[in-house]
């Protein structure tokens, strides 16, 4: 009986040891031209090393590539454990318009919008304006709107370039960073011109939509759950007040 217990302890210890070794590794998925490449890396490995592993695997050593995770460019000096997602999109520099990095945003080209009616009970971080309203998620951990959907009202603005101006968007509650997700229009005629990647980022297509938001008691909201999200590399908005 004693020998049996001793053997079990040895087996259990071996399993625990294997789990610890496994936890020290991460499988990084890099997507390029519709193909996903898996690269096994250490959790605290520098991205410069991750990039080199990808280039060696794909024989693209001489290419100028951009590595994007969740709409942000990855710096070669960053460590792998500094980002939440290990799904990385890879682009050639020439694929991007004006060097702008694509971001995940509502697929407004599907043109599915809802009428969200106004209320005087809305919190201070969900106040709209006539014209363009950008919806996003607050990233300020000390903000009462942390991880909640906030509205950035673009007051007296008739044109807005999301890719160029996204870094200027601030939470109306704390003034901190937000992750833009969708948009809404109020008492205006609007036009949106954009470009999105399709077919697993293998190809891109341009789109244009137009509409009117003329109900004074509501805002036209483009719901990401109904329209889906896409990777956009261009999104220019123009409005004319009604």
Protein backbone atom coordinates (compact mmCIF):
# COMPACT_ATOMS: atom_id res chain seq x y z
CA UNK A 1 0.00 0.00 0.00
CA UNK A 2 2.82 2.35 0.92
CA UNK A 3 4.54 1.78 -2.44
CA UNK A 4 1.29 2.50 -4.29
CA UNK A 5 0.85 5.89 -2.55
CA UNK A 6 4.45 6.77 -3.30
CA UNK A 7 3.96 6.04 -7.00
CA UNK A 8 0.82 8.18 -7.10
CA UNK A 9 2.68 11.10 -5.57
CA UNK A 10 5.39 10.80 -8.20
CA UNK A 11 2.84 10.74 -11.03
CA UNK A 12 0.93 13.72 -9.61
CA UNK A 13 4.14 15.69 -9.20
CA UNK A 14 5.02 14.95 -12.81
CA UNK A 15 1.65 16.24 -14.03
CA UNK A 16 2.00 19.44 -12.05
CA UNK A 17 5.51 19.93 -13.43
CA UNK A 18 4.27 19.48 -17.01
CA UNK A 19 1.45 22.00 -16.50
CA UNK A 20 3.92 24.62 -15.27
CA UNK A 21 6.11 24.13 -18.30
CA UNK A 22 3.08 24.38 -20.60
CA UNK A 23 1.93 27.62 -18.94
CA UNK A 24 5.24 29.28 -19.74
CA UNK A 25 4.50 29.07 -23.48
CA UNK A 26 2.00 30.93 -25.65
CA UNK A 27 0.72 30.08 -29.09
CA UNK A 28 0.70 33.27 -31.16
CA UNK A 29 -1.59 33.33 -34.20
CA UNK A 30 -0.40 35.67 -36.97
CA UNK A 31 -2.75 36.22 -39.90
CA UNK A 32 -1.41 37.38 -43.25
CA UNK A 33 -3.19 37.33 -46.64
CA UNK A 34 -5.91 34.98 -45.40
CA UNK A 35 -3.51 32.42 -43.90
CA UNK A 36 -2.91 31.94 -40.18
CA UNK A 37 0.57 31.01 -38.95
CA UNK A 38 1.10 29.62 -35.44
CA UNK A 39 4.29 30.50 -33.60
CA UNK A 40 5.11 29.10 -30.13
CA UNK A 41 6.75 31.69 -27.89
CA UNK A 42 7.66 32.32 -24.26
CA UNK A 43 5.16 34.42 -22.31
CA UNK A 44 7.70 37.19 -21.66
CA UNK A 45 9.32 37.04 -25.09
CA UNK A 46 10.00 40.34 -26.87
CA UNK A 47 7.96 41.03 -29.98
CA UNK A 48 11.17 41.56 -31.93
CA UNK A 49 11.77 37.83 -31.44
CA UNK A 50 8.14 36.95 -32.31
CA UNK A 51 8.41 39.00 -35.52
CA UNK A 52 11.61 37.23 -36.51
CA UNK A 53 10.06 33.80 -35.94
CA UNK A 54 7.18 34.76 -38.20
CA UNK A 55 9.47 36.11 -40.91
CA UNK A 56 11.64 32.98 -40.80
CA UNK A 57 8.57 30.74 -41.01
CA UNK A 58 7.16 32.60 -44.00
CA UNK A 59 10.50 33.46 -45.66
CA UNK A 60 9.63 37.17 -45.57
CA UNK A 61 12.84 38.42 -43.97
CA UNK A 62 13.27 41.36 -46.32
CA UNK A 63 9.67 42.62 -46.15
CA UNK A 64 8.58 45.77 -44.30
CA UNK A 65 5.70 44.48 -42.21
CA UNK A 66 3.30 45.95 -39.69
CA UNK A 67 1.99 43.85 -36.80
CA UNK A 68 -1.40 44.92 -35.43
CA UNK A 69 -3.28 43.59 -32.38
CA UNK A 70 -6.74 44.96 -31.55
CA UNK A 71 -6.13 47.98 -33.79
CA UNK A 72 -2.80 48.92 -32.21
CA UNK A 73 0.64 48.71 -33.77
CA UNK A 74 2.95 46.37 -31.84
CA UNK A 75 6.33 47.73 -30.82
CA UNK A 76 9.30 45.39 -31.18
CA UNK A 77 10.43 46.25 -27.64
CA UNK A 78 7.12 45.21 -26.07
CA UNK A 79 6.75 41.84 -24.39
CA UNK A 80 4.18 39.25 -25.36
CA UNK A 81 2.59 39.27 -21.90
CA UNK A 82 1.78 43.00 -22.27
CA UNK A 83 -1.19 42.36 -24.60
CA UNK A 84 -4.39 40.43 -23.96
CA UNK A 85 -4.92 39.02 -27.44
CA UNK A 86 -2.37 36.82 -29.19
CA UNK A 87 -4.28 37.10 -32.48
CA UNK A 88 -2.14 39.39 -34.61
CA UNK A 89 -2.84 40.81 -38.07
CA UNK A 90 0.15 41.29 -40.34
CA UNK A 91 0.23 43.79 -43.21
CA UNK A 92 2.71 45.07 -45.74
CA UNK A 93 3.22 48.80 -45.29
CA UNK A 94 1.87 49.49 -48.79
CA UNK A 95 -1.48 47.87 -47.92
CA UNK A 96 -2.45 50.71 -45.59
CA UNK A 97 -3.80 54.12 -46.59
CA UNK A 98 -1.47 56.92 -45.54
CA UNK A 99 0.25 54.64 -43.01
CA UNK A 100 -2.92 54.47 -40.87
CA UNK A 101 -3.44 51.32 -38.84
CA UNK A 102 -6.76 49.48 -39.23
CA UNK A 103 -9.08 49.24 -36.25
CA UNK A 104 -12.01 47.04 -35.31
CA UNK A 105 -15.22 49.02 -35.74
CA UNK A 106 -18.88 48.44 -36.50
CA UNK A 107 -19.48 47.32 -40.09
CA UNK A 108 -21.56 50.37 -40.96
CA UNK A 109 -21.72 49.27 -44.60
CA UNK A 110 -24.57 46.91 -43.60
CA UNK A 111 -26.65 49.99 -42.71
CA UNK A 112 -28.61 48.36 -39.88
CA UNK A 113 -29.49 51.08 -37.38
CA UNK A 114 -31.84 51.39 -34.43
CA UNK A 115 -33.75 54.35 -33.02
CA UNK A 116 -32.60 54.86 -29.43
CA UNK A 117 -34.97 57.26 -27.74
CA UNK A 118 -33.68 60.04 -25.52
CA UNK A 119 -34.20 60.16 -21.76
CA UNK A 120 -33.39 62.64 -19.00
CA UNK A 121 -32.18 59.74 -16.83
CA UNK A 122 -29.06 59.00 -18.89
CA UNK A 123 -25.71 59.18 -17.02
CA UNK A 124 -23.33 62.06 -17.67
CA UNK A 125 -21.16 59.96 -19.98
CA UNK A 126 -24.06 59.28 -22.39
CA UNK A 127 -25.10 62.77 -23.49
CA UNK A 128 -25.47 63.26 -27.25
CA UNK A 129 -25.17 66.22 -29.58
CA UNK A 130 -26.68 67.15 -32.93
CA UNK A 131 -24.69 65.50 -35.70
CA UNK A 132 -21.89 62.98 -35.04
CA UNK A 133 -21.70 60.89 -31.87
CA UNK A 134 -18.93 58.31 -31.39
CA UNK A 135 -19.60 55.39 -29.06
CA UNK A 136 -16.74 53.63 -27.34
CA UNK A 137 -15.59 51.72 -24.26
CA UNK A 138 -13.85 53.62 -21.46
CA UNK A 139 -10.47 52.19 -20.41
CA UNK A 140 -9.99 54.33 -17.28
CA UNK A 141 -9.91 51.93 -14.33
CA UNK A 142 -10.81 54.67 -11.83
CA UNK A 143 -13.67 56.02 -13.95
CA UNK A 144 -17.27 55.17 -13.06
CA UNK A 145 -17.76 54.40 -16.76
CA UNK A 146 -14.89 51.88 -16.81
CA UNK A 147 -15.61 49.13 -19.37
CA UNK A 148 -18.98 50.75 -20.14
CA UNK A 149 -20.22 52.22 -23.40
CA UNK A 150 -19.78 55.99 -23.41
CA UNK A 151 -20.73 58.61 -26.01
CA UNK A 152 -18.31 61.22 -27.30
CA UNK A 153 -20.43 64.04 -28.81
CA UNK A 154 -18.60 65.83 -31.63
CA UNK A 155 -20.19 69.24 -31.08
CA UNK A 156 -20.35 71.66 -34.01
CA UNK A 157 -18.35 69.23 -36.15
CA UNK A 158 -19.48 68.51 -39.71
CA UNK A 159 -16.56 66.24 -40.72
CA UNK A 160 -14.73 63.52 -38.82
CA UNK A 161 -11.96 61.14 -39.92
CA UNK A 162 -12.04 58.20 -37.52
CA UNK A 163 -8.64 56.73 -38.38
CA UNK A 164 -6.82 60.06 -38.18
CA UNK A 165 -8.66 61.42 -35.15
CA UNK A 166 -9.38 58.33 -33.05
CA UNK A 167 -6.53 59.13 -30.63
CA UNK A 168 -8.23 62.46 -29.81
CA UNK A 169 -11.37 60.73 -28.55
CA UNK A 170 -11.72 61.02 -24.77
CA UNK A 171 -14.15 59.62 -22.23
CA UNK A 172 -16.62 62.45 -21.38
CA UNK A 173 -16.52 61.37 -17.73
CA UNK A 174 -12.79 61.04 -16.96
CA UNK A 175 -11.04 62.40 -20.05
CA UNK A 176 -9.21 59.11 -20.48
CA UNK A 177 -8.75 56.74 -23.40
CA UNK A 178 -11.69 55.08 -25.10
CA UNK A 179 -11.81 52.27 -27.65
CA UNK A 180 -14.16 53.47 -30.45
CA UNK A 181 -16.76 50.86 -31.40
CA UNK A 182 -19.66 52.43 -33.29
CA UNK A 183 -21.50 55.70 -33.97
CA UNK A 184 -24.85 57.42 -33.94
CA UNK A 185 -26.46 60.39 -35.71
CA UNK A 186 -28.94 62.96 -34.43
CA UNK A 187 -30.88 65.61 -36.39
CA UNK A 188 -28.64 65.54 -39.44
CA UNK A 189 -28.13 64.24 -42.94
CA UNK A 190 -25.04 62.01 -43.02
CA UNK A 191 -22.62 60.38 -45.41
CA UNK A 192 -19.93 57.82 -44.52
CA UNK A 193 -17.16 56.78 -46.90
CA UNK A 194 -14.86 53.96 -45.88
CA UNK A 195 -12.67 51.04 -46.73
CA UNK A 196 -12.70 47.69 -44.94
CA UNK A 197 -10.77 44.45 -45.17
CA UNK A 198 -12.73 41.36 -46.21
CA UNK A 199 -12.07 37.64 -46.65
CA UNK A 200 -9.81 37.33 -43.61
CA UNK A 201 -7.93 40.52 -44.52
CA UNK A 202 -6.95 39.13 -47.92
CA UNK A 203 -8.84 41.78 -49.88
CA UNK A 204 -10.37 45.17 -49.20
CA UNK A 205 -13.40 47.01 -50.50
CA UNK A 206 -14.69 50.54 -50.41
CA UNK A 207 -18.19 51.45 -49.29
CA UNK A 208 -20.42 54.49 -49.01
CA UNK A 209 -23.66 54.96 -47.11
CA UNK A 210 -26.02 57.92 -46.75
CA UNK A 211 -28.98 58.60 -44.53
CA UNK A 212 -31.07 61.02 -42.49
CA UNK A 213 -31.58 61.12 -38.73
CA UNK A 214 -34.50 63.51 -38.40
CA UNK A 215 -36.32 62.38 -35.27
CA UNK A 216 -35.69 64.98 -32.53
CA UNK A 217 -36.52 62.40 -29.84
CA UNK A 218 -34.04 59.71 -30.88
CA UNK A 219 -30.57 58.94 -32.19
CA UNK A 220 -29.80 56.54 -35.02
CA UNK A 221 -27.49 53.95 -33.46
CA UNK A 222 -25.52 51.36 -35.44
CA UNK A 223 -25.59 48.28 -33.23
CA UNK A 224 -22.35 46.21 -33.50
CA UNK A 225 -24.27 43.06 -32.50
CA UNK A 226 -26.53 43.40 -35.56
CA UNK A 227 -24.07 44.87 -38.06
CA UNK A 228 -21.06 42.90 -36.88
CA UNK A 229 -17.56 44.32 -36.66
CA UNK A 230 -14.93 44.65 -39.35
CA UNK A 231 -11.36 45.87 -39.73
CA UNK A 232 -11.56 49.36 -41.23
CA UNK A 233 -8.62 51.24 -42.67
CA UNK A 234 -10.60 54.32 -43.73
CA UNK A 235 -13.77 55.88 -42.33
CA UNK A 236 -14.69 59.49 -43.14
CA UNK A 237 -17.94 61.01 -41.89
CA UNK A 238 -19.72 64.11 -43.15
CA UNK A 239 -22.94 65.60 -41.77
CA UNK A 240 -25.29 68.44 -42.61
CA UNK A 241 -27.43 69.68 -39.74
CA UNK A 242 -31.22 69.59 -40.15
